[in-house]
Protein backbone atom coordinates (compact mmCIF):
# COMPACT_ATOMS: atom_id res chain seq x y z
CA UNK A 1 0.00 0.01 0.00
CA UNK A 2 0.96 3.70 -0.32
CA UNK A 3 1.83 5.66 2.80
CA UNK A 4 3.39 9.01 3.71
CA UNK A 5 6.44 7.84 5.61
CA UNK A 6 8.28 9.88 8.19
CA UNK A 7 11.93 8.88 8.28
CA UNK A 8 13.43 11.98 9.98
CA UNK A 9 11.80 14.32 12.46
CA UNK A 10 11.02 17.75 10.99
CA UNK A 11 11.83 16.23 7.59
CA UNK A 12 9.79 15.46 4.39
CA UNK A 13 7.11 12.81 4.24
CA UNK A 14 7.87 10.36 1.46
CA UNK A 15 4.88 8.73 -0.30
CA UNK A 16 6.15 5.21 -0.79
CA UNK A 17 5.10 1.55 -0.82
CA UNK A 18 5.07 -0.16 2.60
CA UNK A 19 3.72 -3.52 3.63
CA UNK A 20 -0.05 -3.84 4.09
CA UNK A 21 -1.05 -4.03 7.77
CA UNK A 22 -1.88 -7.42 9.21
CA UNK A 23 -5.49 -7.81 10.42
CA UNK A 24 -5.64 -8.41 14.17
CA UNK A 25 -7.72 -11.51 15.23
CA UNK A 26 -10.08 -9.21 17.16
CA UNK A 27 -9.87 -6.34 14.66
CA UNK A 28 -10.27 -5.09 11.11
CA UNK A 29 -8.45 -3.59 8.21
CA UNK A 30 -9.99 -0.24 7.03
CA UNK A 31 -9.35 1.31 3.68
CA UNK A 32 -8.72 4.92 4.48
CA UNK A 33 -10.79 7.31 2.42
CA UNK A 34 -9.90 10.52 4.20
CA UNK A 35 -7.69 11.67 7.14
CA UNK A 36 -7.44 14.99 8.90
CA UNK A 37 -4.15 16.80 9.46
CA UNK A 38 -4.01 17.88 13.10
CA UNK A 39 -1.82 20.02 15.33
CA UNK A 40 -0.98 16.73 17.22
CA UNK A 41 0.43 15.36 13.94
CA UNK A 42 2.64 18.40 13.85
CA UNK A 43 3.88 17.62 17.38
CA UNK A 44 4.76 14.10 16.26
CA UNK A 45 6.42 15.36 13.07
CA UNK A 46 8.59 17.74 15.08
CA UNK A 47 9.75 14.92 17.34
CA UNK A 48 7.90 16.34 20.44
CA UNK A 49 5.93 13.11 21.14
CA UNK A 50 8.06 10.54 22.95
CA UNK A 51 5.82 7.66 21.77
CA UNK A 52 6.78 8.13 18.07
CA UNK A 53 9.52 5.84 16.76
CA UNK A 54 10.90 6.18 13.28
CA UNK A 55 10.21 5.20 10.58
CA UNK A 56 6.60 6.12 11.20
CA UNK A 57 3.22 6.73 9.56
CA UNK A 58 1.22 9.55 11.21
CA UNK A 59 -2.46 10.38 10.97
CA UNK A 60 -5.22 9.71 13.52
CA UNK A 61 -8.41 11.42 12.23
CA UNK A 62 -9.57 8.77 9.67
CA UNK A 63 -12.75 7.73 7.99
CA UNK A 64 -13.00 4.72 5.74
CA UNK A 65 -14.47 1.37 4.79
CA UNK A 66 -13.75 -1.97 6.19
CA UNK A 67 -11.96 -4.42 3.76
CA UNK A 68 -11.03 -7.27 6.12
CA UNK A 69 -12.40 -8.60 9.40
CA UNK A 70 -10.60 -10.79 11.97
CA UNK A 71 -12.24 -14.00 13.19
CA UNK A 72 -12.91 -12.62 16.67
CA UNK A 73 -14.66 -9.49 15.47
CA UNK A 74 -18.44 -9.92 15.79
CA UNK A 75 -20.15 -6.52 15.12
CA UNK A 76 -18.57 -5.23 11.95
CA UNK A 77 -18.56 -6.49 8.35
CA UNK A 78 -16.65 -5.84 5.13
CA UNK A 79 -18.03 -2.69 3.49
CA UNK A 80 -19.05 -0.96 6.76
CA UNK A 81 -18.30 2.76 6.82
CA UNK A 82 -16.41 3.51 9.95
CA UNK A 83 -14.24 5.78 12.07
CA UNK A 84 -12.59 5.41 15.41
CA UNK A 85 -11.21 7.44 18.31
CA UNK A 86 -7.47 8.03 18.15
CA UNK A 87 -7.11 6.17 21.45
CA UNK A 88 -7.54 2.45 20.84
CA UNK A 89 -8.34 0.86 24.23
CA UNK A 90 -8.01 -2.79 25.14
CA UNK A 91 -11.76 -3.13 25.89
CA UNK A 92 -11.23 -5.56 28.78
CA UNK A 93 -9.59 -3.70 31.71
CA UNK A 94 -11.50 -2.21 34.62
CA UNK A 95 -11.39 1.31 33.21
CA UNK A 96 -12.67 0.18 29.79
CA UNK A 97 -15.46 -1.79 31.34
CA UNK A 98 -16.43 1.12 33.54
CA UNK A 99 -16.74 3.50 30.53
CA UNK A 100 -13.36 5.18 30.93
CA UNK A 101 -11.47 3.94 27.89
CA UNK A 102 -9.33 7.08 27.42
CA UNK A 103 -7.41 6.20 30.55
CA UNK A 104 -6.91 2.53 29.67
CA UNK A 105 -3.45 1.38 30.81
CA UNK A 106 -3.11 -0.81 27.71
CA UNK A 107 -4.13 1.72 25.03
CA UNK A 108 -2.57 2.43 21.66
CA UNK A 109 -2.50 5.81 19.97
CA UNK A 110 -3.29 5.79 16.18
CA UNK A 111 -0.50 7.65 14.47
CA UNK A 112 1.59 7.76 17.64
CA UNK A 113 2.34 4.43 19.31
CA UNK A 114 1.21 2.57 16.19
CA UNK A 115 1.23 3.43 12.48
CA UNK A 116 -1.59 5.70 11.44
CA UNK A 117 -3.79 6.76 8.61
CA UNK A 118 -1.57 8.80 6.30
CA UNK A 119 -1.85 5.63 4.28
CA UNK A 120 -4.20 3.61 2.15
CA UNK A 121 -5.01 1.15 4.96
CA UNK A 122 -5.01 0.95 8.68
CA UNK A 123 -5.37 -1.90 11.22
CA UNK A 124 -7.81 -1.39 14.14
CA UNK A 125 -7.47 -3.70 17.15
CA UNK A 126 -10.32 -4.62 19.47
CA UNK A 127 -12.69 -3.43 16.80
CA UNK A 128 -15.95 -4.27 18.52
CA UNK A 129 -14.90 -1.96 21.35
CA UNK A 130 -13.10 0.76 19.30
CA UNK A 131 -14.84 1.18 15.93
CA UNK A 132 -17.77 3.51 15.27
CA UNK A 133 -20.27 3.12 12.49
CA UNK A 134 -20.61 6.21 10.35
CA UNK A 135 -24.20 7.43 9.70
CA UNK A 136 -25.11 7.60 6.02
CA UNK A 137 -25.51 11.33 6.39
CA UNK A 138 -21.79 11.88 6.99
CA UNK A 139 -19.41 11.63 4.07
CA UNK A 140 -15.78 10.49 4.52
CA UNK A 141 -14.18 13.90 4.30
CA UNK A 142 -16.31 15.72 6.90
CA UNK A 143 -16.09 12.56 9.08
CA UNK A 144 -12.32 12.82 8.98
CA UNK A 145 -12.52 16.54 9.61
CA UNK A 146 -14.41 15.76 12.83
CA UNK A 147 -11.56 13.53 13.87
CA UNK A 148 -10.19 14.06 17.29
CA UNK A 149 -11.23 17.72 17.18
CA UNK A 150 -15.02 17.51 17.27
CA UNK A 151 -14.98 14.42 19.48
CA UNK A 152 -12.53 15.86 21.97
CA UNK A 153 -14.43 19.17 22.05
CA UNK A 154 -17.65 17.26 22.56
CA UNK A 155 -16.35 15.43 25.56
CA UNK A 156 -14.75 18.61 26.98
CA UNK A 157 -17.99 20.51 26.87
CA UNK A 158 -20.62 17.84 27.64
CA UNK A 159 -18.82 15.43 29.96
CA UNK A 160 -16.09 17.38 31.61
CA UNK A 161 -17.49 21.01 31.81
CA UNK A 162 -21.16 20.14 31.54
CA UNK A 163 -21.84 23.32 29.60
CA UNK A 164 -25.41 24.48 30.07
CA UNK A 165 -27.62 26.52 27.76
CA UNK A 166 -27.22 30.24 28.24
CA UNK A 167 -23.75 29.96 29.80
CA UNK A 168 -20.73 31.76 28.33
CA UNK A 169 -17.95 29.67 26.79
CA UNK A 170 -14.70 31.27 25.92
CA UNK A 171 -12.46 29.42 23.48
CA UNK A 172 -8.80 30.23 23.55
CA UNK A 173 -7.47 29.29 20.13
CA UNK A 174 -9.83 29.18 17.20
CA UNK A 175 -8.04 26.30 15.38
CA UNK A 176 -9.73 23.02 14.59
CA UNK A 177 -10.61 22.01 18.11
CA UNK A 178 -11.61 25.57 19.10
CA UNK A 179 -13.89 25.96 16.07
CA UNK A 180 -15.30 22.51 16.88
CA UNK A 181 -16.10 23.71 20.35
CA UNK A 182 -17.72 26.81 18.89
CA UNK A 183 -20.27 24.86 16.74
CA UNK A 184 -20.94 22.34 19.57
CA UNK A 185 -21.52 25.05 22.15
CA UNK A 186 -23.86 26.83 19.75
CA UNK A 187 -25.86 23.58 19.25
CA UNK A 188 -26.08 23.18 23.03
CA UNK A 189 -27.51 26.63 23.40
CA UNK A 190 -24.50 28.32 25.02
CA UNK A 191 -22.98 31.69 24.07
CA UNK A 192 -19.43 31.64 22.60
CA UNK A 193 -16.56 34.08 22.71
CA UNK A 194 -13.68 33.01 20.47
CA UNK A 195 -10.22 34.29 21.25
CA UNK A 196 -7.20 34.20 18.83
CA UNK A 197 -4.49 36.38 17.31
CA UNK A 198 -5.52 35.58 13.76
CA UNK A 199 -8.25 37.61 12.15
CA UNK A 200 -8.87 34.81 9.60
CA UNK A 201 -9.45 32.30 12.43
CA UNK A 202 -11.88 34.69 14.16
CA UNK A 203 -13.71 35.32 10.89
CA UNK A 204 -14.16 31.55 10.59
CA UNK A 205 -15.39 31.39 14.15
CA UNK A 206 -17.94 34.06 13.42
CA UNK A 207 -19.16 32.10 10.36
CA UNK A 208 -19.56 29.07 12.56
CA UNK A 209 -21.74 30.82 15.11
CA UNK A 210 -19.53 32.61 17.68
CA UNK A 211 -21.46 35.34 19.45
CA UNK A 212 -18.43 37.49 19.91
CA UNK A 213 -14.70 37.34 18.91
CA UNK A 214 -11.63 38.93 20.42
CA UNK A 215 -8.20 39.38 18.75
CA UNK A 216 -5.86 39.54 21.72
CA UNK A 217 -2.84 40.78 19.85
CA UNK A 218 -1.38 43.58 22.00
CA UNK A 219 -3.85 43.08 24.84
CA UNK A 220 -1.91 42.91 28.14
CA UNK A 221 -4.73 41.47 30.37
CA UNK A 222 -6.70 39.04 28.29
CA UNK A 223 -8.64 37.78 31.33
CA UNK A 224 -9.96 41.25 32.11
CA UNK A 225 -10.90 41.83 28.50
CA UNK A 226 -12.91 38.53 28.42
CA UNK A 227 -14.59 39.29 31.77
CA UNK A 228 -15.66 42.64 30.45
CA UNK A 229 -17.21 41.08 27.31
CA UNK A 230 -18.94 38.30 29.20
CA UNK A 231 -20.40 40.32 32.04
CA UNK A 232 -18.07 39.04 34.74
CA UNK A 233 -16.32 36.16 33.18
CA UNK A 234 -17.04 32.97 31.28
CA UNK A 235 -18.74 30.02 32.98
CA UNK A 236 -16.50 27.68 30.98
CA UNK A 237 -13.20 28.31 29.40
CA UNK A 238 -11.10 25.90 27.23
CA UNK A 239 -7.47 26.16 26.29
CA UNK A 240 -7.58 24.73 22.80
CA UNK A 241 -3.93 25.45 22.01
CA UNK A 242 -1.91 24.06 24.92
CA UNK A 243 0.50 26.82 25.73
CA UNK A 244 1.36 28.33 29.13
CA UNK A 245 -0.04 31.66 28.00
CA UNK A 246 -3.38 30.35 26.85
CA UNK A 247 -3.68 28.24 29.92
CA UNK A 248 -3.23 31.29 32.22
CA UNK A 249 -5.52 33.40 30.06
CA UNK A 250 -8.15 30.75 30.27
CA UNK A 251 -8.09 30.67 34.05
CA UNK A 252 -8.14 34.49 34.23
CA UNK A 253 -11.17 34.58 31.91
CA UNK A 254 -13.41 32.69 34.28
CA UNK A 255 -15.98 34.01 36.72
CA UNK A 256 -16.27 32.72 40.22
CA UNK A 257 -17.03 28.93 40.28
CA UNK A 258 -15.96 28.75 36.62
CA UNK A 259 -14.68 25.56 34.90
CA UNK A 260 -11.51 25.33 32.92
CA UNK A 261 -10.93 22.41 30.48
CA UNK A 262 -7.45 21.71 29.15
CA UNK A 263 -7.98 20.50 25.61
CA UNK A 264 -4.78 21.52 23.83
CA UNK A 265 -1.79 19.27 24.46
CA UNK A 266 1.11 21.13 26.15
CA UNK A 267 4.47 20.04 24.93
CA UNK A 268 8.13 21.19 25.50
CA UNK A 269 8.47 24.14 27.84
CA UNK A 270 4.64 24.43 28.12
CA UNK A 271 4.31 21.12 29.78
CA UNK A 272 4.95 22.55 33.23
CA UNK A 273 3.61 26.09 33.98
CA UNK A 274 3.06 28.24 37.15
CA UNK A 275 -0.41 27.84 38.66
CA UNK A 276 -2.01 30.99 40.24
CA UNK A 277 -3.37 28.77 43.03
CA UNK A 278 -4.38 31.35 45.64
CA UNK A 279 -5.60 34.18 43.44
CA UNK A 280 -7.69 32.07 40.99
CA UNK A 281 -8.22 28.42 41.89
CA UNK A 282 -8.68 29.04 45.69
CA UNK A 283 -10.18 32.52 45.73
CA UNK A 284 -12.47 32.15 42.72
CA UNK A 285 -13.10 28.52 43.48
CA UNK A 286 -12.39 27.37 40.03
CA UNK A 287 -12.51 23.85 38.74
CA UNK A 288 -9.79 22.49 36.39
CA UNK A 289 -10.49 19.53 34.14
CA UNK A 290 -8.18 17.63 31.75
CA UNK A 291 -9.57 15.86 28.74
CA UNK A 292 -8.14 13.59 26.05
CA UNK A 293 -10.16 11.93 23.43
CA UNK A 294 -13.60 10.29 23.44
CA UNK A 295 -14.34 6.62 23.84
CA UNK A 296 -16.13 4.91 20.90
CA UNK A 297 -19.24 4.16 22.90
CA UNK A 298 -19.54 7.85 23.75
CA UNK A 299 -19.90 8.82 20.08
CA UNK A 300 -23.64 7.99 19.90
CA UNK A 301 -25.22 11.27 21.18
CA UNK A 302 -22.81 13.25 18.99
CA UNK A 303 -23.67 11.13 15.94
CA UNK A 304 -27.37 11.51 16.72
CA UNK A 305 -27.10 15.29 16.72
CA UNK A 306 -25.33 15.19 13.34
CA UNK A 307 -27.79 12.75 11.83
CA UNK A 308 -30.60 14.82 13.15
CA UNK A 309 -29.33 17.95 11.53
CA UNK A 310 -28.65 19.82 14.80
CA UNK A 311 -24.91 19.83 14.23
CA UNK A 312 -23.02 20.00 10.94
CA UNK A 313 -19.24 19.34 11.00
CA UNK A 314 -18.82 19.82 7.28
CA UNK A 315 -18.15 23.62 7.37
CA UNK A 316 -15.08 22.97 9.54
CA UNK A 317 -13.28 21.54 6.53
CA UNK A 318 -11.82 24.44 4.51
CA UNK A 319 -9.33 22.42 2.33
CA UNK A 320 -8.80 18.96 0.96
CA UNK A 321 -5.36 17.83 -0.23
CA UNK A 322 -3.80 14.71 -1.77
CA UNK A 323 -1.63 12.42 0.34
CA UNK A 324 1.47 13.72 -1.47
CA UNK A 325 1.16 17.13 0.13
CA UNK A 326 0.65 15.99 3.73
CA UNK A 327 4.17 16.96 4.68
CA UNK A 328 3.74 20.48 3.22
CA UNK A 329 0.53 20.84 5.31
CA UNK A 330 2.45 19.97 8.43
CA UNK A 331 5.33 22.44 7.53
CA UNK A 332 2.71 25.22 7.26
CA UNK A 333 1.95 24.80 10.94
CA UNK A 334 5.46 26.03 11.81
CA UNK A 335 4.05 29.55 11.25
CA UNK A 336 0.48 29.03 12.25
CA UNK A 337 -2.00 27.26 10.07
CA UNK A 338 -4.87 28.11 7.67
CA UNK A 339 -8.27 28.75 9.19
CA UNK A 340 -10.36 25.68 9.51
CA UNK A 341 -9.42 21.99 9.04
CA UNK A 342 -7.27 20.43 6.33
CA UNK A 343 -8.28 16.92 5.25
CA UNK A 344 -6.30 14.43 3.10
CA UNK A 345 -8.69 12.93 0.52
CA UNK A 346 -7.22 9.64 -0.69
CA UNK A 347 -9.36 9.94 -3.82
CA UNK A 348 -7.13 12.87 -4.86
CA UNK A 349 -4.11 10.55 -5.27
């Protein structure tokens, strides 16, 4: 099969022939039809993810069609249209059985600990536990555009923060996951303030339903500016980027008893940051949540909203590219990235 192979960190991706994946006994082989290009892929490409060993195939936001089924897989058939969370859980441990698969101790990360979907085919283990049927209403490209971004934002807002209608959500970073949070919050009846330093990103957030936007370039006290715009502070704030600055700004944006959700993955020098414990967490009685991914069995209410026409992920996708330009798309992220979500369409070659 063809795959975009990473042989040197921060180097080119070479589209070349590699061996087809072997179907796990409890899994499937999926023909990849589309795959998103994510900021987490950029982290892996730069060598910032310790789980990635070279040579490697990245890509974790896939949608496709099953072409082979292992003998122990019971609930999926050849031809089924599917996607999966980027965290492949074992399906058997105490955490998995209790509905907490994203903290499974025996998990694999598509495109990180195992080869991913910048390729024509991908193997999915424990398929009965990890695969998700795609509704007919969702085409492959928008399904890949949802990827980890819509699903992670969904869990951040519904499970972790429990965002309620009428509440203010402030989104720090209007990239893929921030824009996903914007459309989800709107569908849930909340009000959204999108924060970024890119006018293009904020324009996209407005198109997707943000009630207000704030370009924070040159603003010294972002928290104060957000509190002014939201009448005392947001009820929920998410750091969708994963930097020390956006984390601090997120906390300072909250009203008393507010809820912060860490969505963006902090890497390098941002992995450990000062915490204003007395001034904010203690005095304002804030709640801090971490979130990472969404288990396959938690996709159902999200898919129901999409199938019912209450949520449309398609406008998130602003560009489709062939597999051959995946490396160039990652290199673009060195200096930011285009507004919206880029998706590799395998039909483009």
